[in-house]
Amino acid sequence: MPEKDLDIRFQEAVEIASEMTQASLPQDVQLRLYAYYKQATIGTINYNQSPNDDLRNAFKTNAWMQIRNLTVEESKELYIEAINSLVDKK
């Protein structure tokens, strides 16, 4: 599939996700979506632990680190699939 098609589908999934409320999603799903989004938009995490990191940020960082070996394209596809599965459940 051409790159542009993937980017368009990814942006559509981001728009759908922005309309979801955090309360409607389990925390593990939120973390997975966060990690896929970060990997898709920024790439591999450059982790510098700060003593000021709170527990919430530690969980987010951990989720992102767990998928650090995925490519940007793989991350976009997984994000799209996750959003689509959430929409299908409604």
N, C-alpha and C. Protein backbone atom coordinates (compact mmCIF):
# COMPACT_ATOMS: atom_id res chain seq x y z
N MET A 1 0.85 -1.18 0.00
CA MET A 1 0.00 0.00 0.00
C MET A 1 0.90 1.24 0.00
N PRO A 2 0.60 2.21 -0.83
CA PRO A 2 1.43 3.41 -0.89
C PRO A 2 1.49 4.15 0.46
N GLU A 3 2.60 4.83 0.68
CA GLU A 3 2.82 5.56 1.93
C GLU A 3 1.71 6.57 2.20
N LYS A 4 1.29 7.29 1.17
CA LYS A 4 0.25 8.30 1.36
C LYS A 4 -1.03 7.68 1.89
N ASP A 5 -1.40 6.53 1.37
CA ASP A 5 -2.60 5.86 1.85
C ASP A 5 -2.49 5.53 3.33
N LEU A 6 -1.35 5.05 3.75
CA LEU A 6 -1.13 4.73 5.15
C LEU A 6 -1.24 5.99 6.00
N ASP A 7 -0.63 7.08 5.57
CA ASP A 7 -0.69 8.33 6.32
C ASP A 7 -2.12 8.86 6.43
N ILE A 8 -2.89 8.74 5.37
CA ILE A 8 -4.28 9.19 5.39
C ILE A 8 -5.09 8.33 6.36
N ARG A 9 -4.91 7.03 6.28
CA ARG A 9 -5.63 6.13 7.18
C ARG A 9 -5.23 6.36 8.63
N PHE A 10 -3.95 6.64 8.86
CA PHE A 10 -3.47 6.92 10.21
C PHE A 10 -4.11 8.20 10.74
N GLN A 11 -4.13 9.24 9.92
CA GLN A 11 -4.72 10.50 10.35
C GLN A 11 -6.21 10.34 10.65
N GLU A 12 -6.90 9.55 9.86
CA GLU A 12 -8.32 9.29 10.12
C GLU A 12 -8.50 8.57 11.45
N ALA A 13 -7.63 7.62 11.75
CA ALA A 13 -7.69 6.91 13.03
C ALA A 13 -7.40 7.85 14.20
N VAL A 14 -6.45 8.77 14.02
CA VAL A 14 -6.14 9.75 15.06
C VAL A 14 -7.36 10.63 15.33
N GLU A 15 -8.05 11.02 14.28
CA GLU A 15 -9.25 11.85 14.45
C GLU A 15 -10.34 11.09 15.20
N ILE A 16 -10.51 9.82 14.89
CA ILE A 16 -11.49 9.00 15.61
C ILE A 16 -11.10 8.90 17.07
N ALA A 17 -9.83 8.65 17.33
CA ALA A 17 -9.34 8.51 18.71
C ALA A 17 -9.53 9.80 19.50
N SER A 18 -9.37 10.93 18.85
CA SER A 18 -9.51 12.21 19.56
C SER A 18 -10.93 12.45 20.04
N GLU A 19 -11.88 11.74 19.46
CA GLU A 19 -13.28 11.87 19.88
C GLU A 19 -13.64 10.90 21.00
N MET A 20 -12.76 9.97 21.31
CA MET A 20 -13.00 9.00 22.39
C MET A 20 -12.63 9.63 23.72
N THR A 21 -13.32 9.22 24.76
CA THR A 21 -12.98 9.71 26.09
C THR A 21 -12.07 8.70 26.77
N GLN A 22 -11.19 9.20 27.61
CA GLN A 22 -10.29 8.31 28.34
C GLN A 22 -11.08 7.36 29.22
N ALA A 23 -12.19 7.85 29.77
CA ALA A 23 -12.99 7.02 30.67
C ALA A 23 -13.60 5.82 29.94
N SER A 24 -13.74 5.93 28.62
CA SER A 24 -14.35 4.83 27.87
C SER A 24 -13.35 3.74 27.49
N LEU A 25 -12.07 3.98 27.76
CA LEU A 25 -11.03 3.01 27.37
C LEU A 25 -10.30 2.49 28.60
N PRO A 26 -10.08 1.17 28.65
CA PRO A 26 -9.27 0.63 29.75
C PRO A 26 -7.84 1.21 29.67
N GLN A 27 -7.18 1.27 30.81
CA GLN A 27 -5.85 1.89 30.85
C GLN A 27 -4.83 1.16 29.99
N ASP A 28 -4.93 -0.18 29.89
CA ASP A 28 -3.97 -0.89 29.06
C ASP A 28 -4.15 -0.54 27.58
N VAL A 29 -5.39 -0.30 27.17
CA VAL A 29 -5.66 0.11 25.78
C VAL A 29 -5.12 1.52 25.55
N GLN A 30 -5.33 2.41 26.52
CA GLN A 30 -4.80 3.77 26.41
C GLN A 30 -3.28 3.75 26.26
N LEU A 31 -2.61 2.92 27.04
CA LEU A 31 -1.15 2.85 26.97
C LEU A 31 -0.69 2.29 25.63
N ARG A 32 -1.39 1.29 25.13
CA ARG A 32 -1.02 0.70 23.84
C ARG A 32 -1.19 1.74 22.73
N LEU A 33 -2.30 2.45 22.74
CA LEU A 33 -2.53 3.49 21.73
C LEU A 33 -1.48 4.59 21.83
N TYR A 34 -1.16 4.98 23.05
CA TYR A 34 -0.13 6.00 23.27
C TYR A 34 1.20 5.55 22.67
N ALA A 35 1.58 4.32 22.95
CA ALA A 35 2.87 3.80 22.47
C ALA A 35 2.90 3.73 20.95
N TYR A 36 1.84 3.20 20.33
CA TYR A 36 1.79 3.13 18.87
C TYR A 36 1.85 4.53 18.25
N TYR A 37 1.11 5.46 18.85
CA TYR A 37 1.09 6.82 18.32
C TYR A 37 2.48 7.46 18.41
N LYS A 38 3.11 7.34 19.55
CA LYS A 38 4.44 7.93 19.73
C LYS A 38 5.47 7.31 18.79
N GLN A 39 5.43 5.98 18.66
CA GLN A 39 6.37 5.30 17.78
C GLN A 39 6.11 5.70 16.33
N ALA A 40 4.83 5.89 15.97
CA ALA A 40 4.46 6.26 14.60
C ALA A 40 4.81 7.70 14.28
N THR A 41 4.76 8.58 15.26
CA THR A 41 4.97 10.01 14.98
C THR A 41 6.37 10.50 15.33
N ILE A 42 7.02 9.86 16.30
CA ILE A 42 8.34 10.31 16.74
C ILE A 42 9.42 9.29 16.40
N GLY A 43 9.08 8.02 16.49
CA GLY A 43 10.06 6.96 16.26
C GLY A 43 10.52 6.38 17.58
N THR A 44 11.64 5.72 17.55
CA THR A 44 12.15 5.03 18.73
C THR A 44 12.43 6.01 19.86
N ILE A 45 12.00 5.62 21.04
CA ILE A 45 12.14 6.46 22.22
C ILE A 45 13.61 6.67 22.57
N ASN A 46 13.93 7.89 22.93
CA ASN A 46 15.25 8.23 23.46
C ASN A 46 15.04 8.44 24.95
N TYR A 47 15.27 7.42 25.72
CA TYR A 47 14.89 7.41 27.13
C TYR A 47 15.97 8.00 28.02
N ASN A 48 15.60 9.02 28.73
CA ASN A 48 16.44 9.61 29.78
C ASN A 48 15.60 9.68 31.04
N GLN A 49 15.87 8.79 31.97
CA GLN A 49 15.08 8.75 33.19
C GLN A 49 15.35 10.00 34.02
N SER A 50 14.28 10.60 34.45
CA SER A 50 14.38 11.79 35.28
C SER A 50 13.85 11.45 36.67
N PRO A 51 14.47 11.97 37.69
CA PRO A 51 13.97 11.70 39.04
C PRO A 51 12.59 12.33 39.27
N ASN A 52 12.19 13.25 38.38
CA ASN A 52 10.90 13.90 38.52
C ASN A 52 9.78 13.14 37.82
N ASP A 53 10.10 12.03 37.14
CA ASP A 53 9.08 11.25 36.45
C ASP A 53 8.11 10.67 37.46
N ASP A 54 6.83 10.87 37.18
CA ASP A 54 5.83 10.29 38.05
C ASP A 54 5.46 8.90 37.55
N LEU A 55 4.63 8.21 38.29
CA LEU A 55 4.27 6.84 37.95
C LEU A 55 3.55 6.76 36.61
N ARG A 56 2.68 7.72 36.33
CA ARG A 56 1.94 7.73 35.07
C ARG A 56 2.91 7.81 33.88
N ASN A 57 3.86 8.71 33.95
CA ASN A 57 4.85 8.84 32.88
C ASN A 57 5.72 7.60 32.76
N ALA A 58 5.99 6.95 33.88
CA ALA A 58 6.78 5.72 33.85
C ALA A 58 6.05 4.63 33.08
N PHE A 59 4.74 4.51 33.30
CA PHE A 59 3.95 3.53 32.56
C PHE A 59 3.92 3.85 31.07
N LYS A 60 3.77 5.12 30.74
CA LYS A 60 3.74 5.53 29.34
C LYS A 60 5.08 5.24 28.67
N THR A 61 6.15 5.57 29.36
CA THR A 61 7.50 5.32 28.82
C THR A 61 7.72 3.83 28.64
N ASN A 62 7.30 3.03 29.60
CA ASN A 62 7.47 1.59 29.51
C ASN A 62 6.70 1.01 28.31
N ALA A 63 5.47 1.48 28.11
CA ALA A 63 4.67 1.00 26.98
C ALA A 63 5.36 1.32 25.66
N TRP A 64 5.91 2.52 25.57
CA TRP A 64 6.60 2.94 24.34
C TRP A 64 7.88 2.13 24.14
N MET A 65 8.62 1.90 25.22
CA MET A 65 9.87 1.14 25.12
C MET A 65 9.61 -0.30 24.66
N GLN A 66 8.47 -0.86 25.04
CA GLN A 66 8.17 -2.24 24.69
C GLN A 66 7.98 -2.43 23.18
N ILE A 67 7.65 -1.37 22.46
CA ILE A 67 7.45 -1.50 21.01
C ILE A 67 8.52 -0.77 20.21
N ARG A 68 9.62 -0.45 20.83
CA ARG A 68 10.66 0.36 20.19
C ARG A 68 11.24 -0.28 18.93
N ASN A 69 11.06 -1.58 18.75
CA ASN A 69 11.59 -2.25 17.57
C ASN A 69 10.67 -2.19 16.37
N LEU A 70 9.47 -1.64 16.55
CA LEU A 70 8.54 -1.51 15.42
C LEU A 70 8.95 -0.33 14.54
N THR A 71 8.71 -0.49 13.25
CA THR A 71 8.96 0.64 12.34
C THR A 71 7.81 1.63 12.47
N VAL A 72 8.00 2.80 11.91
CA VAL A 72 6.95 3.81 11.89
C VAL A 72 5.72 3.25 11.19
N GLU A 73 5.93 2.58 10.07
CA GLU A 73 4.82 2.03 9.29
C GLU A 73 4.08 0.95 10.07
N GLU A 74 4.82 0.06 10.73
CA GLU A 74 4.18 -0.99 11.54
C GLU A 74 3.37 -0.37 12.67
N SER A 75 3.91 0.66 13.29
CA SER A 75 3.22 1.32 14.39
C SER A 75 1.93 1.98 13.91
N LYS A 76 1.99 2.61 12.74
CA LYS A 76 0.77 3.22 12.18
C LYS A 76 -0.29 2.16 11.91
N GLU A 77 0.12 1.05 11.31
CA GLU A 77 -0.83 -0.04 11.00
C GLU A 77 -1.45 -0.59 12.29
N LEU A 78 -0.65 -0.80 13.31
CA LEU A 78 -1.17 -1.33 14.57
C LEU A 78 -2.10 -0.33 15.26
N TYR A 79 -1.77 0.95 15.17
CA TYR A 79 -2.64 1.99 15.72
C TYR A 79 -3.99 1.97 15.00
N ILE A 80 -3.95 1.93 13.69
CA ILE A 80 -5.18 1.91 12.88
C ILE A 80 -6.02 0.68 13.25
N GLU A 81 -5.38 -0.49 13.33
CA GLU A 81 -6.08 -1.72 13.68
C GLU A 81 -6.72 -1.62 15.07
N ALA A 82 -5.99 -1.06 16.02
CA ALA A 82 -6.52 -0.93 17.38
C ALA A 82 -7.73 -0.01 17.41
N ILE A 83 -7.65 1.12 16.73
CA ILE A 83 -8.77 2.05 16.69
C ILE A 83 -9.97 1.40 16.00
N ASN A 84 -9.73 0.75 14.89
CA ASN A 84 -10.81 0.09 14.17
C ASN A 84 -11.49 -0.98 15.03
N SER A 85 -10.71 -1.73 15.80
CA SER A 85 -11.31 -2.76 16.65
C SER A 85 -12.16 -2.13 17.76
N LEU A 86 -11.74 -0.97 18.25
CA LEU A 86 -12.53 -0.28 19.27
C LEU A 86 -13.83 0.24 18.69
N VAL A 87 -13.77 0.76 17.48
CA VAL A 87 -14.97 1.28 16.82
C VAL A 87 -15.94 0.14 16.52
N ASP A 88 -15.42 -1.01 16.12
CA ASP A 88 -16.25 -2.16 15.79
C ASP A 88 -16.98 -2.71 17.01
N LYS A 89 -16.41 -2.51 18.22
CA LYS A 89 -17.02 -3.00 19.44
C LYS A 89 -18.21 -2.16 19.88
N LYS A 90 -18.32 -0.94 19.37
CA LYS A 90 -19.40 -0.05 19.79
C LYS A 90 -20.71 -0.42 19.17
